[in-house]
């Protein structure tokens, strides 16, 4: 991966320890993604100086710690769930926290689909990244991200709203509709 322009997130100085990607992953200097377990760890929150926790789930209950702002985005991880309505307000909130030198932790149950989709929307809006570049960046920081297909469709619409063009399309494959950036992976899984 090439070094992103200065408007893009600053990369980590060293990769996280093996096995740690399922916990907390740093995306930018002020944005992190995690699963629900890590989001409820006082040690993880304090050692990473998290000031805002955004819970993008209906099933994870947060433990509330002093001096941390909590926001709930009650969305289930279903392709029919409407996450699009939260793209702008959550991206704006993450940006506002950063402007006040705070740090935001986005989480859902696993830190794979819902929180990843909101992270991609934020990267597009505030780091001027295309959807394909935002996905590539976030995946380099947290290899397990994989928004569901419904969220991909919503992200594709959001990218068009922001930039009047698309860098990702949904395509029909033997396993159904998928984002085209997963096409090679799907082909490798199918028998010839």
C-alpha atoms as a PDB file:
ATOM      1  CA  UNK A   1       0.000   0.000   0.000  1.00  0.00           C
ATOM      2  CA  UNK A   2       1.287   3.411  -0.833  1.00  0.00           C
ATOM      3  CA  UNK A   3       1.625   6.088   1.802  1.00  0.00           C
ATOM      4  CA  UNK A   4      -1.601   8.089   1.986  1.00  0.00           C
ATOM      5  CA  UNK A   5      -1.570  11.840   1.359  1.00  0.00           C
ATOM      6  CA  UNK A   6      -1.346  14.036   4.446  1.00  0.00           C
ATOM      7  CA  UNK A   7      -5.131  14.485   4.564  1.00  0.00           C
ATOM      8  CA  UNK A   8      -5.466  10.750   5.094  1.00  0.00           C
ATOM      9  CA  UNK A   9      -5.157   8.988   8.445  1.00  0.00           C
ATOM     10  CA  UNK A  10      -1.735   8.583   9.982  1.00  0.00           C
ATOM     11  CA  UNK A  11      -0.663   4.919   9.925  1.00  0.00           C
ATOM     12  CA  UNK A  12       0.249   3.049  13.070  1.00  0.00           C
ATOM     13  CA  UNK A  13       3.946   3.056  13.829  1.00  0.00           C
ATOM     14  CA  UNK A  14       3.899  -0.697  14.364  1.00  0.00           C
ATOM     15  CA  UNK A  15       1.284  -3.372  13.694  1.00  0.00           C
ATOM     16  CA  UNK A  16      -0.841  -4.586  16.596  1.00  0.00           C
ATOM     17  CA  UNK A  17       0.330  -7.786  18.294  1.00  0.00           C
ATOM     18  CA  UNK A  18      -0.943 -11.043  16.696  1.00  0.00           C
ATOM     19  CA  UNK A  19      -4.445 -11.931  17.845  1.00  0.00           C
ATOM     20  CA  UNK A  20      -5.109  -8.372  19.005  1.00  0.00           C
ATOM     21  CA  UNK A  21      -7.014  -7.331  15.879  1.00  0.00           C
ATOM     22  CA  UNK A  22     -10.191  -8.747  17.367  1.00  0.00           C
ATOM     23  CA  UNK A  23      -9.863  -6.233  20.215  1.00  0.00           C
ATOM     24  CA  UNK A  24      -9.119  -2.601  19.467  1.00  0.00           C
ATOM     25  CA  UNK A  25      -7.846  -1.348  16.093  1.00  0.00           C
ATOM     26  CA  UNK A  26      -6.613   2.188  15.434  1.00  0.00           C
ATOM     27  CA  UNK A  27      -7.899   3.647  12.159  1.00  0.00           C
ATOM     28  CA  UNK A  28      -6.752   7.277  12.501  1.00  0.00           C
ATOM     29  CA  UNK A  29      -5.061   9.263  15.255  1.00  0.00           C
ATOM     30  CA  UNK A  30      -8.494   9.800  16.831  1.00  0.00           C
ATOM     31  CA  UNK A  31     -10.661   6.882  15.610  1.00  0.00           C
ATOM     32  CA  UNK A  32     -10.660   3.267  16.753  1.00  0.00           C
ATOM     33  CA  UNK A  33     -12.873   0.244  16.034  1.00  0.00           C
ATOM     34  CA  UNK A  34     -13.451  -2.668  18.381  1.00  0.00           C
ATOM     35  CA  UNK A  35     -15.786  -5.429  19.358  1.00  0.00           C
ATOM     36  CA  UNK A  36     -18.220  -5.136  22.250  1.00  0.00           C
ATOM     37  CA  UNK A  37     -15.917  -6.833  24.745  1.00  0.00           C
ATOM     38  CA  UNK A  38     -13.035  -4.401  24.178  1.00  0.00           C
ATOM     39  CA  UNK A  39     -15.461  -1.450  24.303  1.00  0.00           C
ATOM     40  CA  UNK A  40     -16.397  -2.458  27.839  1.00  0.00           C
ATOM     41  CA  UNK A  41     -12.825  -2.737  29.109  1.00  0.00           C
ATOM     42  CA  UNK A  42     -11.905   0.168  31.358  1.00  0.00           C
ATOM     43  CA  UNK A  43      -8.205  -0.633  30.818  1.00  0.00           C
ATOM     44  CA  UNK A  44      -8.489  -0.557  27.008  1.00  0.00           C
ATOM     45  CA  UNK A  45     -10.541   2.664  27.026  1.00  0.00           C
ATOM     46  CA  UNK A  46      -8.272   4.498  29.445  1.00  0.00           C
ATOM     47  CA  UNK A  47      -4.968   3.301  27.965  1.00  0.00           C
ATOM     48  CA  UNK A  48      -6.105   4.535  24.521  1.00  0.00           C
ATOM     49  CA  UNK A  49      -7.529   7.782  25.971  1.00  0.00           C
ATOM     50  CA  UNK A  50     -11.003   7.157  24.493  1.00  0.00           C
ATOM     51  CA  UNK A  51     -13.380  10.050  25.214  1.00  0.00           C
ATOM     52  CA  UNK A  52     -16.416   8.912  23.183  1.00  0.00           C
ATOM     53  CA  UNK A  53     -17.848   5.429  22.645  1.00  0.00           C
ATOM     54  CA  UNK A  54     -20.322   4.896  19.802  1.00  0.00           C
ATOM     55  CA  UNK A  55     -22.205   1.607  20.174  1.00  0.00           C
ATOM     56  CA  UNK A  56     -23.566   0.531  16.778  1.00  0.00           C
ATOM     57  CA  UNK A  57     -25.680  -2.381  17.954  1.00  0.00           C
ATOM     58  CA  UNK A  58     -28.890  -3.449  19.600  1.00  0.00           C
ATOM     59  CA  UNK A  59     -27.379  -6.406  21.441  1.00  0.00           C
ATOM     60  CA  UNK A  60     -24.267  -5.026  23.200  1.00  0.00           C
ATOM     61  CA  UNK A  61     -24.852  -3.274  26.518  1.00  0.00           C
ATOM     62  CA  UNK A  62     -22.201  -0.734  27.441  1.00  0.00           C
ATOM     63  CA  UNK A  63     -20.632  -0.410  30.856  1.00  0.00           C
ATOM     64  CA  UNK A  64     -20.643   3.338  31.444  1.00  0.00           C
ATOM     65  CA  UNK A  65     -17.363   4.775  32.669  1.00  0.00           C
ATOM     66  CA  UNK A  66     -16.891   8.273  34.047  1.00  0.00           C
ATOM     67  CA  UNK A  67     -15.666  11.009  31.672  1.00  0.00           C
ATOM     68  CA  UNK A  68     -16.675   9.066  28.545  1.00  0.00           C
ATOM     69  CA  UNK A  69     -19.546  10.149  26.313  1.00  0.00           C
ATOM     70  CA  UNK A  70     -21.733   7.297  25.056  1.00  0.00           C
ATOM     71  CA  UNK A  71     -23.840   7.318  21.885  1.00  0.00           C
ATOM     72  CA  UNK A  72     -26.159   4.506  20.832  1.00  0.00           C
ATOM     73  CA  UNK A  73     -26.868   3.695  17.173  1.00  0.00           C
ATOM     74  CA  UNK A  74     -29.547   0.987  17.498  1.00  0.00           C
ATOM     75  CA  UNK A  75     -29.043  -0.984  14.274  1.00  0.00           C
ATOM     76  CA  UNK A  76     -28.960  -4.754  13.817  1.00  0.00           C
ATOM     77  CA  UNK A  77     -26.414  -6.420  11.531  1.00  0.00           C
ATOM     78  CA  UNK A  78     -28.881  -7.218   8.782  1.00  0.00           C
ATOM     79  CA  UNK A  79     -28.678  -6.310   5.078  1.00  0.00           C
ATOM     80  CA  UNK A  80     -32.131  -4.715   5.446  1.00  0.00           C
ATOM     81  CA  UNK A  81     -31.082  -2.442   8.347  1.00  0.00           C
ATOM     82  CA  UNK A  82     -30.919   1.257   7.490  1.00  0.00           C
ATOM     83  CA  UNK A  83     -27.490   2.530   8.546  1.00  0.00           C
ATOM     84  CA  UNK A  84     -27.365   5.245   5.847  1.00  0.00           C
ATOM     85  CA  UNK A  85     -29.287   7.730   8.015  1.00  0.00           C
ATOM     86  CA  UNK A  86     -26.430   7.618  10.541  1.00  0.00           C
ATOM     87  CA  UNK A  87     -23.531   8.163   8.083  1.00  0.00           C
ATOM     88  CA  UNK A  88     -23.536  11.976   8.232  1.00  0.00           C
ATOM     89  CA  UNK A  89     -24.389  12.502  11.931  1.00  0.00           C
ATOM     90  CA  UNK A  90     -21.867   9.917  13.153  1.00  0.00           C
ATOM     91  CA  UNK A  91     -19.105  11.107  10.787  1.00  0.00           C
ATOM     92  CA  UNK A  92     -19.771  14.674  11.949  1.00  0.00           C
ATOM     93  CA  UNK A  93     -19.634  13.599  15.589  1.00  0.00           C
ATOM     94  CA  UNK A  94     -16.335  11.712  15.138  1.00  0.00           C
ATOM     95  CA  UNK A  95     -14.912  14.806  13.424  1.00  0.00           C
ATOM     96  CA  UNK A  96     -16.126  17.109  16.223  1.00  0.00           C
ATOM     97  CA  UNK A  97     -14.549  14.856  18.872  1.00  0.00           C
ATOM     98  CA  UNK A  98     -11.266  14.992  16.944  1.00  0.00           C
ATOM     99  CA  UNK A  99     -11.430  18.795  16.716  1.00  0.00           C
ATOM    100  CA  UNK A 100     -11.602  18.864  20.542  1.00  0.00           C
ATOM    101  CA  UNK A 101      -8.538  16.555  20.766  1.00  0.00           C
ATOM    102  CA  UNK A 102     -10.750  13.631  21.812  1.00  0.00           C
ATOM    103  CA  UNK A 103     -10.738  10.029  20.638  1.00  0.00           C
ATOM    104  CA  UNK A 104     -13.700   7.982  19.432  1.00  0.00           C
ATOM    105  CA  UNK A 105     -14.230   4.243  19.671  1.00  0.00           C
ATOM    106  CA  UNK A 106     -16.776   2.839  17.208  1.00  0.00           C
ATOM    107  CA  UNK A 107     -17.955  -0.645  18.091  1.00  0.00           C
ATOM    108  CA  UNK A 108     -20.608  -3.204  17.328  1.00  0.00           C
ATOM    109  CA  UNK A 109     -20.671  -6.831  18.494  1.00  0.00           C
ATOM    110  CA  UNK A 110     -17.582  -8.020  16.577  1.00  0.00           C
ATOM    111  CA  UNK A 111     -16.175  -4.825  15.040  1.00  0.00           C
ATOM    112  CA  UNK A 112     -16.663  -6.295  11.565  1.00  0.00           C
ATOM    113  CA  UNK A 113     -19.780  -4.945   9.828  1.00  0.00           C
ATOM    114  CA  UNK A 114     -21.757  -2.078  11.400  1.00  0.00           C
ATOM    115  CA  UNK A 115     -18.890  -0.143  13.002  1.00  0.00           C
ATOM    116  CA  UNK A 116     -16.766  -0.762   9.886  1.00  0.00           C
ATOM    117  CA  UNK A 117     -19.479   0.695   7.626  1.00  0.00           C
ATOM    118  CA  UNK A 118     -19.694   3.857   9.751  1.00  0.00           C
ATOM    119  CA  UNK A 119     -15.897   4.089   9.746  1.00  0.00           C
ATOM    120  CA  UNK A 120     -15.845   3.938   5.929  1.00  0.00           C
ATOM    121  CA  UNK A 121     -18.470   6.691   5.726  1.00  0.00           C
ATOM    122  CA  UNK A 122     -16.342   8.855   8.047  1.00  0.00           C
ATOM    123  CA  UNK A 123     -13.165   8.257   6.006  1.00  0.00           C
ATOM    124  CA  UNK A 124     -14.973   9.225   2.812  1.00  0.00           C
ATOM    125  CA  UNK A 125     -16.488  12.389   4.271  1.00  0.00           C
ATOM    126  CA  UNK A 126     -13.614  13.733   6.390  1.00  0.00           C
ATOM    127  CA  UNK A 127     -10.500  12.212   4.798  1.00  0.00           C
ATOM    128  CA  UNK A 128     -11.692  12.672   1.208  1.00  0.00           C
ATOM    129  CA  UNK A 129     -11.164   8.977   0.461  1.00  0.00           C
ATOM    130  CA  UNK A 130     -13.021   7.063  -2.213  1.00  0.00           C
ATOM    131  CA  UNK A 131     -14.947   4.059  -0.945  1.00  0.00           C
ATOM    132  CA  UNK A 132     -12.381   1.640  -2.367  1.00  0.00           C
ATOM    133  CA  UNK A 133      -9.531   3.565  -0.700  1.00  0.00           C
ATOM    134  CA  UNK A 134     -11.398   3.883   2.612  1.00  0.00           C
ATOM    135  CA  UNK A 135     -12.009   0.129   2.603  1.00  0.00           C
ATOM    136  CA  UNK A 136      -8.389  -0.621   1.721  1.00  0.00           C
ATOM    137  CA  UNK A 137      -7.147   1.665   4.505  1.00  0.00           C
ATOM    138  CA  UNK A 138      -9.544   0.373   7.169  1.00  0.00           C
ATOM    139  CA  UNK A 139      -8.835  -3.253   6.194  1.00  0.00           C
ATOM    140  CA  UNK A 140      -5.077  -2.622   6.524  1.00  0.00           C
ATOM    141  CA  UNK A 141      -5.744  -1.408  10.087  1.00  0.00           C
ATOM    142  CA  UNK A 142      -8.375  -4.037  10.944  1.00  0.00           C
ATOM    143  CA  UNK A 143      -8.186  -7.035   8.564  1.00  0.00           C
ATOM    144  CA  UNK A 144     -11.446  -8.582   9.815  1.00  0.00           C
ATOM    145  CA  UNK A 145     -13.762  -5.790   8.610  1.00  0.00           C
ATOM    146  CA  UNK A 146     -16.528  -6.919   6.252  1.00  0.00           C
ATOM    147  CA  UNK A 147     -19.722  -4.837   6.127  1.00  0.00           C
ATOM    148  CA  UNK A 148     -22.771  -6.838   5.070  1.00  0.00           C
ATOM    149  CA  UNK A 149     -24.047  -6.437   1.494  1.00  0.00           C
ATOM    150  CA  UNK A 150     -26.893  -4.124   2.504  1.00  0.00           C
ATOM    151  CA  UNK A 151     -24.405  -1.762   4.156  1.00  0.00           C
ATOM    152  CA  UNK A 152     -22.224  -1.933   1.029  1.00  0.00           C
ATOM    153  CA  UNK A 153     -25.173  -0.807  -1.095  1.00  0.00           C
ATOM    154  CA  UNK A 154     -25.764   2.100   1.297  1.00  0.00           C
ATOM    155  CA  UNK A 155     -22.055   3.029   1.259  1.00  0.00           C
ATOM    156  CA  UNK A 156     -22.092   3.000  -2.549  1.00  0.00           C
ATOM    157  CA  UNK A 157     -25.035   5.445  -2.523  1.00  0.00           C
ATOM    158  CA  UNK A 158     -23.235   7.593   0.051  1.00  0.00           C
ATOM    159  CA  UNK A 159     -20.044   7.689  -2.024  1.00  0.00           C
ATOM    160  CA  UNK A 160     -22.087   8.881  -5.003  1.00  0.00           C
ATOM    161  CA  UNK A 161     -23.747  11.546  -2.845  1.00  0.00           C
ATOM    162  CA  UNK A 162     -20.334  12.818  -1.718  1.00  0.00           C
ATOM    163  CA  UNK A 163     -18.338  12.568  -4.945  1.00  0.00           C
ATOM    164  CA  UNK A 164     -20.854  12.079  -7.812  1.00  0.00           C
ATOM    165  CA  UNK A 165     -19.051   8.876  -8.806  1.00  0.00           C
ATOM    166  CA  UNK A 166     -18.536   5.337  -7.560  1.00  0.00           C
ATOM    167  CA  UNK A 167     -15.400   3.261  -7.080  1.00  0.00           C
ATOM    168  CA  UNK A 168     -17.265   0.145  -5.884  1.00  0.00           C
ATOM    169  CA  UNK A 169     -20.208  -1.573  -7.556  1.00  0.00           C
ATOM    170  CA  UNK A 170     -22.399  -4.493  -6.557  1.00  0.00           C
ATOM    171  CA  UNK A 171     -21.989  -7.381  -9.001  1.00  0.00           C
ATOM    172  CA  UNK A 172     -23.867 -10.635  -9.498  1.00  0.00           C
ATOM    173  CA  UNK A 173     -21.824 -13.763  -8.760  1.00  0.00           C
ATOM    174  CA  UNK A 174     -22.597 -17.459  -8.183  1.00  0.00           C
ATOM    175  CA  UNK A 175     -22.888 -16.618  -4.454  1.00  0.00           C
ATOM    176  CA  UNK A 176     -25.241 -13.664  -5.071  1.00  0.00           C
ATOM    177  CA  UNK A 177     -24.726  -9.904  -5.169  1.00  0.00           C
ATOM    178  CA  UNK A 178     -21.407  -8.772  -3.687  1.00  0.00           C
ATOM    179  CA  UNK A 179     -19.198  -5.673  -3.851  1.00  0.00           C
ATOM    180  CA  UNK A 180     -16.836  -6.026  -6.824  1.00  0.00           C
ATOM    181  CA  UNK A 181     -13.788  -5.710  -4.566  1.00  0.00           C
ATOM    182  CA  UNK A 182     -14.646  -9.200  -3.178  1.00  0.00           C
ATOM    183  CA  UNK A 183     -14.885 -10.755  -6.670  1.00  0.00           C
ATOM    184  CA  UNK A 184     -11.362 -12.225  -6.744  1.00  0.00           C
ATOM    185  CA  UNK A 185     -11.785 -13.687  -3.255  1.00  0.00           C
ATOM    186  CA  UNK A 186     -15.075 -15.354  -4.266  1.00  0.00           C
ATOM    187  CA  UNK A 187     -13.568 -16.757  -7.485  1.00  0.00           C
ATOM    188  CA  UNK A 188     -10.756 -18.360  -5.456  1.00  0.00           C
ATOM    189  CA  UNK A 189     -13.319 -20.079  -3.218  1.00  0.00           C
ATOM    190  CA  UNK A 190     -15.358 -21.565  -6.083  1.00  0.00           C
ATOM    191  CA  UNK A 191     -14.431 -24.836  -7.805  1.00  0.00           C
ATOM    192  CA  UNK A 192     -13.270 -24.474 -11.432  1.00  0.00           C
END
